[in-house]
Structures are given as structure tokens and as C-alpha cells.
Amino acid sequence: MDVTVHIPDDIAARLAQNGADLSRLALESLALEEYKNGHLTKPELRKMLNLGRIALDGFLKSHHVFDEYTFEDFEAERRALKELGF
């Protein structure tokens, strides 16, 4: 789907002054916000932004979005590694 966003010319010119691709910026902003709100999964975010797994991790980190990692997650990984002999 194509979406059109109307931005006043003077503001668009200022935002694009450093060479920013405003279409890409708008897509990334929308996708990131919807991911943070729980409306997109990581695979859907990767698909929307056409990014590989490692590139997506870098994208999220650059926007200060980190996966929740609980003590239970740590314990599950520790048990799995122990079962493998590590």
C-alpha cells in the first residue's frame, strides 16, 4: 500500500536538507512506533523495513529499543547451556 503524507514545502526542505529520504524516515518512524506499541512483531518489522536480522537489531538499538530480558529468560538459557554441557 502506498501512503501519502503532506508536509509543508519549507519544512520538508529543512528536514531533507542533510540528504534524508523523507519517505524512508516516515516508514521507519511508523514501523518503529507500531513495534513499540506491540502492533508489529519483529518478523513483520523486518519485512516492512526490508532488513536482515542483524541490521534490524542495529536499527532497534540505534533508536534505544531493547528486547525485554527477564531473570526467567536468563535462567532458561542457563539451564539449556547446562544440559548441553557448558
N, C-alpha and C. Protein backbone atom coordinates (compact mmCIF):
# COMPACT_ATOMS: atom_id res chain seq x y z
N MET A 1 0.85 -1.17 0.00
CA MET A 1 0.00 0.00 0.00
C MET A 1 0.89 1.23 0.00
N ASP A 2 0.50 2.19 -0.77
CA ASP A 2 1.19 3.47 -0.77
C ASP A 2 0.40 4.45 0.09
N VAL A 3 1.12 5.22 0.87
CA VAL A 3 0.52 6.23 1.73
C VAL A 3 1.16 7.57 1.41
N THR A 4 0.35 8.59 1.30
CA THR A 4 0.85 9.93 1.00
C THR A 4 0.75 10.79 2.26
N VAL A 5 1.84 11.49 2.55
CA VAL A 5 1.87 12.39 3.70
C VAL A 5 2.16 13.79 3.17
N HIS A 6 1.34 14.73 3.57
CA HIS A 6 1.53 16.10 3.12
C HIS A 6 2.32 16.87 4.18
N ILE A 7 3.45 17.41 3.77
CA ILE A 7 4.32 18.20 4.64
C ILE A 7 4.53 19.54 3.95
N PRO A 8 4.39 20.63 4.66
CA PRO A 8 4.65 21.93 4.03
C PRO A 8 6.04 21.95 3.40
N ASP A 9 6.14 22.58 2.23
CA ASP A 9 7.39 22.57 1.47
C ASP A 9 8.59 23.09 2.26
N ASP A 10 8.39 24.15 3.03
CA ASP A 10 9.53 24.71 3.76
C ASP A 10 10.03 23.74 4.84
N ILE A 11 9.11 23.03 5.48
CA ILE A 11 9.51 22.06 6.50
C ILE A 11 10.15 20.84 5.84
N ALA A 12 9.57 20.37 4.75
CA ALA A 12 10.14 19.22 4.04
C ALA A 12 11.55 19.53 3.56
N ALA A 13 11.76 20.73 3.05
CA ALA A 13 13.10 21.12 2.57
C ALA A 13 14.10 21.12 3.72
N ARG A 14 13.68 21.61 4.87
CA ARG A 14 14.58 21.65 6.03
C ARG A 14 14.90 20.24 6.51
N LEU A 15 13.87 19.37 6.55
CA LEU A 15 14.09 18.00 7.01
C LEU A 15 14.98 17.20 6.05
N ALA A 16 14.87 17.50 4.77
CA ALA A 16 15.65 16.78 3.76
C ALA A 16 17.00 17.44 3.48
N GLN A 17 17.27 18.53 4.17
CA GLN A 17 18.49 19.31 3.91
C GLN A 17 19.76 18.48 4.03
N ASN A 18 19.80 17.58 5.00
CA ASN A 18 21.01 16.77 5.18
C ASN A 18 21.00 15.51 4.32
N GLY A 19 20.10 15.47 3.35
CA GLY A 19 20.04 14.34 2.43
C GLY A 19 19.13 13.22 2.89
N ALA A 20 18.34 13.47 3.92
CA ALA A 20 17.44 12.45 4.43
C ALA A 20 16.38 12.08 3.40
N ASP A 21 16.08 10.81 3.32
CA ASP A 21 15.00 10.30 2.47
C ASP A 21 13.73 10.35 3.32
N LEU A 22 12.90 11.35 3.09
CA LEU A 22 11.73 11.56 3.93
C LEU A 22 10.74 10.39 3.86
N SER A 23 10.64 9.74 2.72
CA SER A 23 9.76 8.58 2.61
C SER A 23 10.24 7.46 3.52
N ARG A 24 11.55 7.21 3.50
CA ARG A 24 12.11 6.16 4.35
C ARG A 24 12.00 6.54 5.83
N LEU A 25 12.25 7.79 6.13
CA LEU A 25 12.15 8.28 7.50
C LEU A 25 10.73 8.09 8.04
N ALA A 26 9.74 8.41 7.22
CA ALA A 26 8.34 8.25 7.63
C ALA A 26 8.01 6.77 7.84
N LEU A 27 8.46 5.92 6.93
CA LEU A 27 8.23 4.48 7.06
C LEU A 27 8.86 3.94 8.34
N GLU A 28 10.12 4.30 8.58
CA GLU A 28 10.81 3.82 9.78
C GLU A 28 10.12 4.31 11.05
N SER A 29 9.70 5.56 11.05
CA SER A 29 9.03 6.12 12.23
C SER A 29 7.72 5.39 12.51
N LEU A 30 6.93 5.17 11.48
CA LEU A 30 5.67 4.46 11.65
C LEU A 30 5.91 3.03 12.14
N ALA A 31 6.80 2.33 11.47
CA ALA A 31 7.08 0.93 11.81
C ALA A 31 7.61 0.82 13.23
N LEU A 32 8.53 1.68 13.60
CA LEU A 32 9.12 1.63 14.93
C LEU A 32 8.06 1.89 16.00
N GLU A 33 7.23 2.87 15.80
CA GLU A 33 6.19 3.20 16.77
C GLU A 33 5.20 2.04 16.92
N GLU A 34 4.82 1.44 15.82
CA GLU A 34 3.88 0.32 15.88
C GLU A 34 4.52 -0.91 16.52
N TYR A 35 5.82 -1.11 16.33
CA TYR A 35 6.53 -2.20 17.00
C TYR A 35 6.56 -1.96 18.51
N LYS A 36 6.90 -0.73 18.90
CA LYS A 36 6.96 -0.40 20.33
C LYS A 36 5.60 -0.53 20.99
N ASN A 37 4.53 -0.28 20.25
CA ASN A 37 3.17 -0.41 20.78
C ASN A 37 2.65 -1.84 20.75
N GLY A 38 3.47 -2.76 20.25
CA GLY A 38 3.08 -4.17 20.21
C GLY A 38 2.17 -4.54 19.06
N HIS A 39 2.08 -3.67 18.05
CA HIS A 39 1.21 -3.95 16.91
C HIS A 39 1.94 -4.66 15.78
N LEU A 40 3.25 -4.73 15.85
CA LEU A 40 4.07 -5.44 14.87
C LEU A 40 5.01 -6.39 15.59
N THR A 41 5.23 -7.55 14.99
CA THR A 41 6.23 -8.47 15.51
C THR A 41 7.58 -8.13 14.88
N LYS A 42 8.64 -8.72 15.40
CA LYS A 42 9.96 -8.49 14.80
C LYS A 42 10.00 -8.94 13.35
N PRO A 43 9.47 -10.13 13.01
CA PRO A 43 9.46 -10.52 11.59
C PRO A 43 8.70 -9.54 10.71
N GLU A 44 7.59 -9.01 11.21
CA GLU A 44 6.83 -8.03 10.43
C GLU A 44 7.61 -6.73 10.28
N LEU A 45 8.30 -6.33 11.33
CA LEU A 45 9.12 -5.12 11.26
C LEU A 45 10.25 -5.31 10.26
N ARG A 46 10.88 -6.48 10.29
CA ARG A 46 11.95 -6.77 9.31
C ARG A 46 11.40 -6.69 7.89
N LYS A 47 10.21 -7.25 7.68
CA LYS A 47 9.60 -7.25 6.35
C LYS A 47 9.28 -5.83 5.91
N MET A 48 8.68 -5.04 6.79
CA MET A 48 8.33 -3.65 6.45
C MET A 48 9.55 -2.84 6.06
N LEU A 49 10.64 -3.03 6.82
CA LEU A 49 11.83 -2.22 6.61
C LEU A 49 12.85 -2.89 5.68
N ASN A 50 12.55 -4.11 5.25
CA ASN A 50 13.44 -4.86 4.36
C ASN A 50 14.85 -4.95 4.96
N LEU A 51 14.91 -5.41 6.21
CA LEU A 51 16.18 -5.53 6.91
C LEU A 51 16.42 -6.97 7.33
N GLY A 52 17.67 -7.38 7.34
CA GLY A 52 18.04 -8.66 7.89
C GLY A 52 18.00 -8.60 9.40
N ARG A 53 18.18 -9.77 10.04
CA ARG A 53 18.08 -9.85 11.50
C ARG A 53 19.10 -8.96 12.20
N ILE A 54 20.35 -9.03 11.77
CA ILE A 54 21.39 -8.24 12.42
C ILE A 54 21.18 -6.75 12.17
N ALA A 55 20.80 -6.40 10.95
CA ALA A 55 20.53 -4.99 10.64
C ALA A 55 19.35 -4.47 11.46
N LEU A 56 18.34 -5.32 11.66
CA LEU A 56 17.19 -4.90 12.46
C LEU A 56 17.61 -4.67 13.91
N ASP A 57 18.44 -5.56 14.45
CA ASP A 57 18.93 -5.36 15.82
C ASP A 57 19.66 -4.03 15.94
N GLY A 58 20.49 -3.70 14.97
CA GLY A 58 21.19 -2.42 14.97
C GLY A 58 20.24 -1.25 14.86
N PHE A 59 19.23 -1.38 14.03
CA PHE A 59 18.22 -0.33 13.88
C PHE A 59 17.51 -0.09 15.20
N LEU A 60 17.09 -1.16 15.86
CA LEU A 60 16.38 -1.02 17.13
C LEU A 60 17.28 -0.40 18.20
N LYS A 61 18.52 -0.85 18.26
CA LYS A 61 19.44 -0.30 19.26
C LYS A 61 19.71 1.18 18.99
N SER A 62 19.81 1.55 17.73
CA SER A 62 20.07 2.96 17.41
C SER A 62 18.90 3.86 17.80
N HIS A 63 17.73 3.25 17.98
CA HIS A 63 16.54 4.00 18.41
C HIS A 63 16.21 3.70 19.87
N HIS A 64 17.17 3.13 20.58
CA HIS A 64 17.03 2.85 22.02
C HIS A 64 15.85 1.96 22.34
N VAL A 65 15.64 0.94 21.48
CA VAL A 65 14.59 -0.05 21.70
C VAL A 65 15.30 -1.38 21.95
N PHE A 66 15.12 -1.90 23.15
CA PHE A 66 15.80 -3.12 23.54
C PHE A 66 14.77 -4.17 23.93
N ASP A 67 15.07 -5.43 23.59
CA ASP A 67 14.18 -6.52 23.98
C ASP A 67 14.18 -6.67 25.49
N GLU A 68 13.03 -7.00 26.02
CA GLU A 68 12.93 -7.25 27.45
C GLU A 68 13.60 -8.59 27.73
N TYR A 69 14.50 -8.61 28.67
CA TYR A 69 15.23 -9.82 29.02
C TYR A 69 15.09 -10.00 30.52
N THR A 70 14.30 -10.99 30.91
CA THR A 70 13.99 -11.17 32.31
C THR A 70 14.94 -12.17 32.97
N PHE A 71 14.87 -12.24 34.28
CA PHE A 71 15.65 -13.22 35.02
C PHE A 71 15.23 -14.63 34.60
N GLU A 72 13.95 -14.82 34.33
CA GLU A 72 13.46 -16.13 33.87
C GLU A 72 14.09 -16.51 32.53
N ASP A 73 14.27 -15.53 31.64
CA ASP A 73 14.94 -15.78 30.37
C ASP A 73 16.37 -16.24 30.61
N PHE A 74 17.05 -15.55 31.53
CA PHE A 74 18.43 -15.90 31.86
C PHE A 74 18.50 -17.32 32.42
N GLU A 75 17.60 -17.65 33.33
CA GLU A 75 17.60 -18.99 33.93
C GLU A 75 17.33 -20.06 32.87
N ALA A 76 16.42 -19.81 31.96
CA ALA A 76 16.12 -20.78 30.90
C ALA A 76 17.35 -21.00 30.02
N GLU A 77 18.05 -19.94 29.68
CA GLU A 77 19.27 -20.08 28.88
C GLU A 77 20.35 -20.82 29.66
N ARG A 78 20.47 -20.51 30.96
CA ARG A 78 21.47 -21.17 31.79
C ARG A 78 21.20 -22.66 31.86
N ARG A 79 19.94 -23.06 32.06
CA ARG A 79 19.59 -24.48 32.12
C ARG A 79 19.86 -25.17 30.78
N ALA A 80 19.53 -24.50 29.69
CA ALA A 80 19.76 -25.09 28.37
C ALA A 80 21.25 -25.29 28.12
N LEU A 81 22.06 -24.32 28.49
CA LEU A 81 23.51 -24.46 28.32
C LEU A 81 24.07 -25.57 29.21
N LYS A 82 23.54 -25.68 30.41
CA LYS A 82 23.99 -26.74 31.33
C LYS A 82 23.68 -28.11 30.75
N GLU A 83 22.50 -28.25 30.16
CA GLU A 83 22.10 -29.54 29.54
C GLU A 83 23.01 -29.87 28.37
N LEU A 84 23.55 -28.86 27.71
CA LEU A 84 24.46 -29.08 26.59
C LEU A 84 25.90 -29.31 27.05
N GLY A 85 26.12 -29.21 28.36
CA GLY A 85 27.46 -29.46 28.89
C GLY A 85 28.33 -28.25 29.01
N PHE A 86 27.77 -27.07 28.96
CA PHE A 86 28.56 -25.85 29.09
C PHE A 86 28.52 -25.33 30.50
